[in-house]
Amino acid sequence: MGNNDDESTLLRLDRGADTSRGATSQLQVRVREYRGHRFVDVRLFWRGDDGELRPGKKGIALRRGELAKVRAALEQAEAELDAGAGAQP
């Protein structure tokens, strides 16, 4: 899962420390290619003892045909959160 010319990181979102392991984590959204198929990879990375970010097991790979459905579901979830009492950004 190393970086190469077939990958493009679109988002890096620091999530702070994981209290169970004491490690910091980062959510990344990347466009990747595997065996000739391009997809969006949403994955949680963690920082090892050596300071390097490593991909974790927590993540999902989305094919092009799945993006619109996931985007719609996320927009609906955001609207439901906003409709709740004390909505936060």
Protein backbone atom coordinates (compact mmCIF):
# COMPACT_ATOMS: atom_id res chain seq x y z
CA MET A 1 0.00 0.00 0.00
CA GLY A 2 2.89 2.37 -0.50
CA ASN A 3 2.60 5.62 -2.37
CA ASN A 4 3.12 5.50 -6.12
CA ASP A 5 2.03 7.37 -9.24
CA ASP A 6 -1.31 5.50 -9.28
CA GLU A 7 -2.42 6.95 -5.95
CA SER A 8 -3.72 10.40 -5.11
CA THR A 9 -4.42 11.42 -1.50
CA LEU A 10 -7.47 13.69 -1.41
CA LEU A 11 -7.84 14.11 2.35
CA ARG A 12 -5.69 13.72 5.44
CA LEU A 13 -7.68 14.20 8.63
CA ASP A 14 -5.75 13.91 11.91
CA ARG A 15 -7.84 12.15 14.54
CA GLY A 16 -5.54 12.51 17.56
CA ALA A 17 -4.50 9.78 19.94
CA ASP A 18 -6.06 6.32 20.13
CA THR A 19 -6.30 5.88 23.90
CA SER A 20 -6.26 2.07 23.67
CA ARG A 21 -2.82 2.05 22.00
CA GLY A 22 -1.49 5.52 22.64
CA ALA A 23 -0.89 5.95 18.89
CA THR A 24 -2.05 8.86 16.77
CA SER A 25 -4.24 8.15 13.79
CA GLN A 26 -5.14 9.83 10.52
CA LEU A 27 -8.08 9.23 8.20
CA GLN A 28 -7.06 9.30 4.54
CA VAL A 29 -9.14 9.33 1.37
CA ARG A 30 -7.16 8.25 -1.68
CA VAL A 31 -7.73 7.27 -5.27
CA ARG A 32 -5.85 4.01 -5.89
CA GLU A 33 -5.38 1.44 -8.57
CA TYR A 34 -5.12 -2.32 -8.08
CA ARG A 35 -4.87 -4.85 -10.88
CA GLY A 36 -6.04 -2.28 -13.40
CA HIS A 37 -9.08 -1.18 -11.39
CA ARG A 38 -9.31 2.32 -9.90
CA PHE A 39 -11.18 2.89 -6.65
CA VAL A 40 -11.50 5.24 -3.68
CA ASP A 41 -9.81 3.97 -0.54
CA VAL A 42 -10.99 5.42 2.80
CA ARG A 43 -8.63 4.14 5.46
CA LEU A 44 -7.46 4.84 9.00
CA PHE A 45 -3.67 5.12 9.25
CA TRP A 46 -1.73 4.98 12.51
CA ARG A 47 1.66 6.34 13.46
CA GLY A 48 4.16 3.71 14.55
CA ASP A 49 6.88 4.03 17.15
CA ASP A 50 9.25 5.18 14.39
CA GLY A 51 6.92 8.08 13.50
CA GLU A 52 5.89 6.63 10.11
CA LEU A 53 2.21 6.41 9.12
CA ARG A 54 1.03 2.88 8.38
CA PRO A 55 -2.27 1.75 6.85
CA GLY A 56 -4.56 0.03 9.30
CA LYS A 57 -7.13 -2.70 8.75
CA LYS A 58 -9.99 -0.25 9.29
CA GLY A 59 -11.04 1.04 5.92
CA ILE A 60 -13.16 0.54 2.85
CA ALA A 61 -12.51 0.48 -0.89
CA LEU A 62 -15.32 1.92 -3.02
CA ARG A 63 -15.82 1.26 -6.72
CA ARG A 64 -16.94 4.07 -9.00
CA GLY A 65 -20.50 2.74 -9.11
CA GLU A 66 -20.81 2.84 -5.32
CA LEU A 67 -19.71 6.46 -4.82
CA ALA A 68 -23.05 8.15 -5.59
CA LYS A 69 -24.94 5.90 -3.17
CA VAL A 70 -22.39 6.40 -0.38
CA ARG A 71 -22.30 10.17 -1.01
CA ALA A 72 -26.12 10.33 -0.78
CA ALA A 73 -26.11 8.31 2.45
CA LEU A 74 -23.44 10.59 3.98
CA GLU A 75 -25.41 13.70 3.00
CA GLN A 76 -28.53 12.20 4.60
CA ALA A 77 -26.57 11.35 7.75
CA GLU A 78 -25.23 14.91 7.89
CA ALA A 79 -28.76 16.32 7.52
CA GLU A 80 -29.98 14.07 10.34
CA LEU A 81 -27.12 15.21 12.57
CA ASP A 82 -27.89 18.86 11.75
CA ALA A 83 -31.59 18.32 12.54
CA GLY A 84 -30.76 17.00 16.01
CA ALA A 85 -30.74 19.17 19.12
CA GLY A 86 -27.48 21.04 19.62
CA ALA A 87 -26.15 20.34 16.12
CA GLN A 88 -22.38 20.77 15.83
CA PRO A 89 -20.35 21.43 12.66
